[in-house]
Amino acid sequence: MRCIIIVLGGGLSKMTIGRVIGAAKLARRVPCGLMLVGTNDEAVFMYRIIRLLGLGDREVILVGGSRNTLDNAYYAKSALNRLGFKGHLVLVTSRFHSWRAYQLFRNMLGRDYELSLLPIDDEPDDRLRDKEVVSRILAIVSIALLRIIGDRGVMALNGLYETLKPW
């Protein structure tokens, strides 16, 4: 396998379905494996869609347990390390979320991977759009902390953040 398409969950929602359909279109053109990353429920939900789209025969890696985009990047990196994969990665997420997701993945993964982005056009609701502004600020702080204290330290702080966050 020379490349892996990483699809980020966005809830059990139309937004996630759009991301999976975008990844499936790419997977039909390029022989890549698929990594479905999100909560446990999101990963299974995405896998069911992949099967409905006729791509169940592809190598599909389910990565669950995430609570947020930083978790997605950390757990994806752990899965890639377990696989011993070094190659091209394509990150699939919504366009409004793409800058933050790309920055977190790029900084979590380091320079060992070629990382490109496939942003999917969808229209988030106002609540998600407002949350994204705060999340971008937190992503910038997380990236700075990644460079200072490394990924394990940031993940410890991330757990504290998840416990205290207001939404």
Foldseek 3Di string as FASTA:
>chain_A
DAEEEEEEFDPLDPQSLQLLVLVLVVCVVDVHAYEYEEAQVRQVSSQVSCVVVPNNVGHYHYFHDDDDLLSRLQSVLVVCVVVVDFHEYEYTHAPLCFVLNVLSNCLQNDPRHHYHYDHGYDDDDPVVNVVSVVSSVVSVVLSVVCVVPNSVVSVVVVVVCVVPPDD
